[in-house]
N, C-alpha and C. Protein backbone atom coordinates (compact mmCIF):
# COMPACT_ATOMS: atom_id res chain seq x y z
N MET A 1 139.75 84.09 -37.38
CA MET A 1 139.39 83.05 -38.34
C MET A 1 138.02 83.40 -38.93
N THR A 2 137.92 83.32 -40.23
CA THR A 2 136.68 83.60 -40.93
C THR A 2 135.91 82.31 -41.13
N ILE A 3 134.64 82.34 -40.76
CA ILE A 3 133.79 81.17 -40.96
C ILE A 3 133.05 81.34 -42.27
N VAL A 4 133.20 80.37 -43.14
CA VAL A 4 132.56 80.41 -44.45
C VAL A 4 131.44 79.38 -44.44
N ALA A 5 130.27 79.82 -44.88
CA ALA A 5 129.14 78.89 -44.95
C ALA A 5 128.42 79.07 -46.28
N ILE A 6 127.97 77.97 -46.82
CA ILE A 6 127.21 77.97 -48.06
C ILE A 6 125.93 77.20 -47.78
N LYS A 7 124.82 77.81 -48.11
CA LYS A 7 123.54 77.13 -47.90
C LYS A 7 123.35 76.04 -48.94
N PRO A 8 123.00 74.81 -48.52
CA PRO A 8 122.74 73.75 -49.51
C PRO A 8 121.67 74.14 -50.53
N SER A 9 120.69 74.93 -50.09
CA SER A 9 119.62 75.33 -51.02
C SER A 9 120.15 76.16 -52.19
N SER A 10 121.31 76.75 -52.06
CA SER A 10 121.87 77.54 -53.16
C SER A 10 122.26 76.67 -54.35
N LEU A 11 122.38 75.37 -54.14
CA LEU A 11 122.77 74.46 -55.23
C LEU A 11 121.58 73.74 -55.87
N LEU A 12 120.39 73.93 -55.34
CA LEU A 12 119.24 73.17 -55.82
C LEU A 12 118.93 73.41 -57.29
N VAL A 13 118.91 74.65 -57.72
CA VAL A 13 118.52 74.96 -59.10
C VAL A 13 119.56 74.50 -60.11
N SER A 14 120.83 74.77 -59.82
CA SER A 14 121.87 74.47 -60.82
C SER A 14 122.52 73.11 -60.65
N GLY A 15 122.38 72.48 -59.47
CA GLY A 15 123.13 71.26 -59.24
C GLY A 15 122.34 69.99 -59.06
N ILE A 16 121.01 70.10 -59.05
CA ILE A 16 120.18 68.93 -58.76
C ILE A 16 119.20 68.70 -59.90
N ARG A 17 119.00 67.44 -60.19
CA ARG A 17 117.99 67.06 -61.18
C ARG A 17 117.21 65.88 -60.63
N VAL A 18 116.03 65.67 -61.16
CA VAL A 18 115.23 64.50 -60.79
C VAL A 18 115.27 63.56 -61.97
N GLU A 19 115.64 62.31 -61.71
CA GLU A 19 115.79 61.32 -62.77
C GLU A 19 114.82 60.17 -62.52
N ARG A 20 114.12 59.79 -63.55
CA ARG A 20 113.18 58.67 -63.46
C ARG A 20 113.97 57.37 -63.57
N PHE A 21 113.77 56.47 -62.61
CA PHE A 21 114.41 55.16 -62.62
C PHE A 21 113.33 54.14 -62.28
N HIS A 22 112.94 53.37 -63.26
CA HIS A 22 111.80 52.46 -63.13
C HIS A 22 110.59 53.25 -62.66
N ASP A 23 110.04 52.93 -61.52
CA ASP A 23 108.87 53.65 -61.02
C ASP A 23 109.23 54.74 -60.01
N LEU A 24 110.48 55.09 -59.94
CA LEU A 24 110.95 56.06 -58.94
C LEU A 24 111.42 57.36 -59.59
N ASN A 25 111.18 58.45 -58.91
CA ASN A 25 111.82 59.72 -59.23
C ASN A 25 112.90 59.94 -58.20
N LEU A 26 114.15 59.92 -58.64
CA LEU A 26 115.29 60.02 -57.73
C LEU A 26 116.01 61.34 -57.90
N PHE A 27 116.48 61.89 -56.79
CA PHE A 27 117.29 63.10 -56.83
C PHE A 27 118.72 62.71 -57.18
N LYS A 28 119.28 63.42 -58.14
CA LYS A 28 120.65 63.17 -58.59
C LYS A 28 121.38 64.50 -58.74
N PHE A 29 122.70 64.47 -58.61
CA PHE A 29 123.51 65.63 -58.93
C PHE A 29 123.62 65.76 -60.45
N THR A 30 123.70 66.99 -60.92
CA THR A 30 124.00 67.21 -62.33
C THR A 30 125.44 66.76 -62.58
N PRO A 31 125.78 66.46 -63.81
CA PRO A 31 127.18 66.09 -64.09
C PRO A 31 128.16 67.17 -63.64
N GLU A 32 127.78 68.43 -63.77
CA GLU A 32 128.66 69.52 -63.37
C GLU A 32 128.92 69.51 -61.86
N LEU A 33 127.87 69.28 -61.07
CA LEU A 33 128.06 69.25 -59.62
C LEU A 33 128.85 68.01 -59.21
N SER A 34 128.61 66.89 -59.87
CA SER A 34 129.39 65.68 -59.58
C SER A 34 130.87 65.90 -59.88
N ASP A 35 131.15 66.55 -61.01
CA ASP A 35 132.54 66.85 -61.37
C ASP A 35 133.18 67.79 -60.35
N ARG A 36 132.41 68.78 -59.90
CA ARG A 36 132.94 69.73 -58.92
C ARG A 36 133.24 69.02 -57.60
N MET A 37 132.34 68.13 -57.19
CA MET A 37 132.56 67.38 -55.96
C MET A 37 133.83 66.55 -56.06
N ASN A 38 134.03 65.87 -57.18
CA ASN A 38 135.24 65.07 -57.38
C ASN A 38 136.50 65.93 -57.37
N GLU A 39 136.41 67.10 -57.99
CA GLU A 39 137.54 68.03 -57.99
C GLU A 39 137.89 68.46 -56.56
N LEU A 40 136.87 68.78 -55.78
CA LEU A 40 137.10 69.20 -54.41
C LEU A 40 137.64 68.05 -53.55
N LEU A 41 137.13 66.85 -53.77
CA LEU A 41 137.64 65.68 -53.04
C LEU A 41 139.11 65.44 -53.35
N ASN A 42 139.50 65.60 -54.62
CA ASN A 42 140.90 65.44 -55.00
C ASN A 42 141.78 66.49 -54.32
N LYS A 43 141.28 67.73 -54.27
CA LYS A 43 142.03 68.79 -53.59
C LYS A 43 142.14 68.51 -52.09
N LYS A 44 141.09 67.93 -51.52
CA LYS A 44 141.14 67.59 -50.10
C LYS A 44 142.19 66.53 -49.85
N LYS A 45 142.24 65.51 -50.72
CA LYS A 45 143.25 64.46 -50.58
C LYS A 45 144.66 65.03 -50.68
N ALA A 46 144.81 66.04 -51.55
CA ALA A 46 146.11 66.67 -51.73
C ALA A 46 146.39 67.75 -50.68
N ASP A 47 145.42 67.96 -49.78
CA ASP A 47 145.53 68.96 -48.72
C ASP A 47 145.74 70.37 -49.28
N THR A 48 144.97 70.68 -50.35
CA THR A 48 145.09 72.01 -50.97
C THR A 48 143.76 72.76 -51.02
N LEU A 49 142.79 72.34 -50.20
CA LEU A 49 141.50 73.02 -50.18
C LEU A 49 141.59 74.36 -49.46
N SER A 50 140.97 75.39 -50.06
CA SER A 50 140.84 76.67 -49.36
C SER A 50 139.65 76.58 -48.40
N LEU A 51 139.49 77.57 -47.55
CA LEU A 51 138.34 77.60 -46.64
C LEU A 51 137.03 77.61 -47.43
N GLN A 52 136.98 78.40 -48.49
CA GLN A 52 135.78 78.48 -49.32
C GLN A 52 135.48 77.13 -49.97
N GLU A 53 136.50 76.47 -50.47
CA GLU A 53 136.31 75.16 -51.09
C GLU A 53 135.89 74.11 -50.07
N SER A 54 136.44 74.20 -48.89
CA SER A 54 136.06 73.28 -47.83
C SER A 54 134.57 73.44 -47.48
N ALA A 55 134.12 74.68 -47.40
CA ALA A 55 132.70 74.95 -47.13
C ALA A 55 131.83 74.44 -48.27
N GLU A 56 132.30 74.62 -49.49
CA GLU A 56 131.57 74.13 -50.67
C GLU A 56 131.46 72.61 -50.64
N LEU A 57 132.53 71.94 -50.31
CA LEU A 57 132.52 70.48 -50.24
C LEU A 57 131.58 70.00 -49.13
N GLU A 58 131.60 70.65 -47.98
CA GLU A 58 130.69 70.29 -46.90
C GLU A 58 129.23 70.46 -47.33
N THR A 59 128.95 71.51 -48.08
CA THR A 59 127.60 71.76 -48.56
C THR A 59 127.15 70.66 -49.53
N ILE A 60 128.01 70.32 -50.46
CA ILE A 60 127.69 69.27 -51.43
C ILE A 60 127.51 67.94 -50.71
N ASP A 61 128.37 67.66 -49.74
CA ASP A 61 128.27 66.42 -48.97
C ASP A 61 126.95 66.37 -48.20
N GLU A 62 126.53 67.49 -47.65
CA GLU A 62 125.26 67.54 -46.92
C GLU A 62 124.09 67.25 -47.86
N LEU A 63 124.11 67.83 -49.05
CA LEU A 63 123.06 67.53 -50.03
C LEU A 63 123.08 66.07 -50.42
N ASP A 64 124.25 65.50 -50.59
CA ASP A 64 124.37 64.10 -50.94
C ASP A 64 123.75 63.22 -49.86
N THR A 65 124.01 63.54 -48.61
CA THR A 65 123.43 62.79 -47.50
C THR A 65 121.91 62.91 -47.48
N ILE A 66 121.41 64.11 -47.65
CA ILE A 66 119.96 64.34 -47.64
C ILE A 66 119.29 63.58 -48.78
N PHE A 67 119.83 63.70 -49.98
CA PHE A 67 119.19 63.06 -51.13
C PHE A 67 119.35 61.55 -51.11
N SER A 68 120.44 61.06 -50.57
CA SER A 68 120.58 59.60 -50.41
C SER A 68 119.50 59.07 -49.48
N TYR A 69 119.26 59.80 -48.41
CA TYR A 69 118.22 59.39 -47.46
C TYR A 69 116.84 59.43 -48.11
N ILE A 70 116.53 60.53 -48.78
CA ILE A 70 115.22 60.66 -49.44
C ILE A 70 115.04 59.55 -50.49
N ASN A 71 116.07 59.32 -51.29
CA ASN A 71 115.98 58.29 -52.32
C ASN A 71 115.79 56.90 -51.70
N ALA A 72 116.46 56.63 -50.60
CA ALA A 72 116.33 55.33 -49.93
C ALA A 72 114.92 55.16 -49.37
N ILE A 73 114.38 56.18 -48.76
CA ILE A 73 113.02 56.11 -48.22
C ILE A 73 112.02 55.91 -49.36
N THR A 74 112.20 56.64 -50.45
CA THR A 74 111.32 56.51 -51.60
C THR A 74 111.35 55.09 -52.16
N ALA A 75 112.55 54.54 -52.29
CA ALA A 75 112.69 53.18 -52.83
C ALA A 75 112.10 52.14 -51.91
N SER A 76 112.21 52.35 -50.60
CA SER A 76 111.71 51.37 -49.66
C SER A 76 110.18 51.33 -49.60
N GLN A 77 109.54 52.35 -50.10
CA GLN A 77 108.08 52.43 -50.05
C GLN A 77 107.41 51.73 -51.23
N LEU A 78 108.18 51.21 -52.12
CA LEU A 78 107.60 50.50 -53.27
C LEU A 78 107.24 49.08 -52.94
């Protein structure tokens, strides 16, 4: 079995943006990364994800978790 891993940092430049919302700078996915995540989620529901796609989805999900946490902490400090 081949283990496929993708570093979350590989998506920072092309998949992440900082968006100003009121007095906050929030981390957001680019529209392209959001679309890719939705595409992968649909393939997962259909049980048609490849190993590479599964690793990609896990990476995107990890970034989503990290940025949700950072954004929540940032918002709570106001």
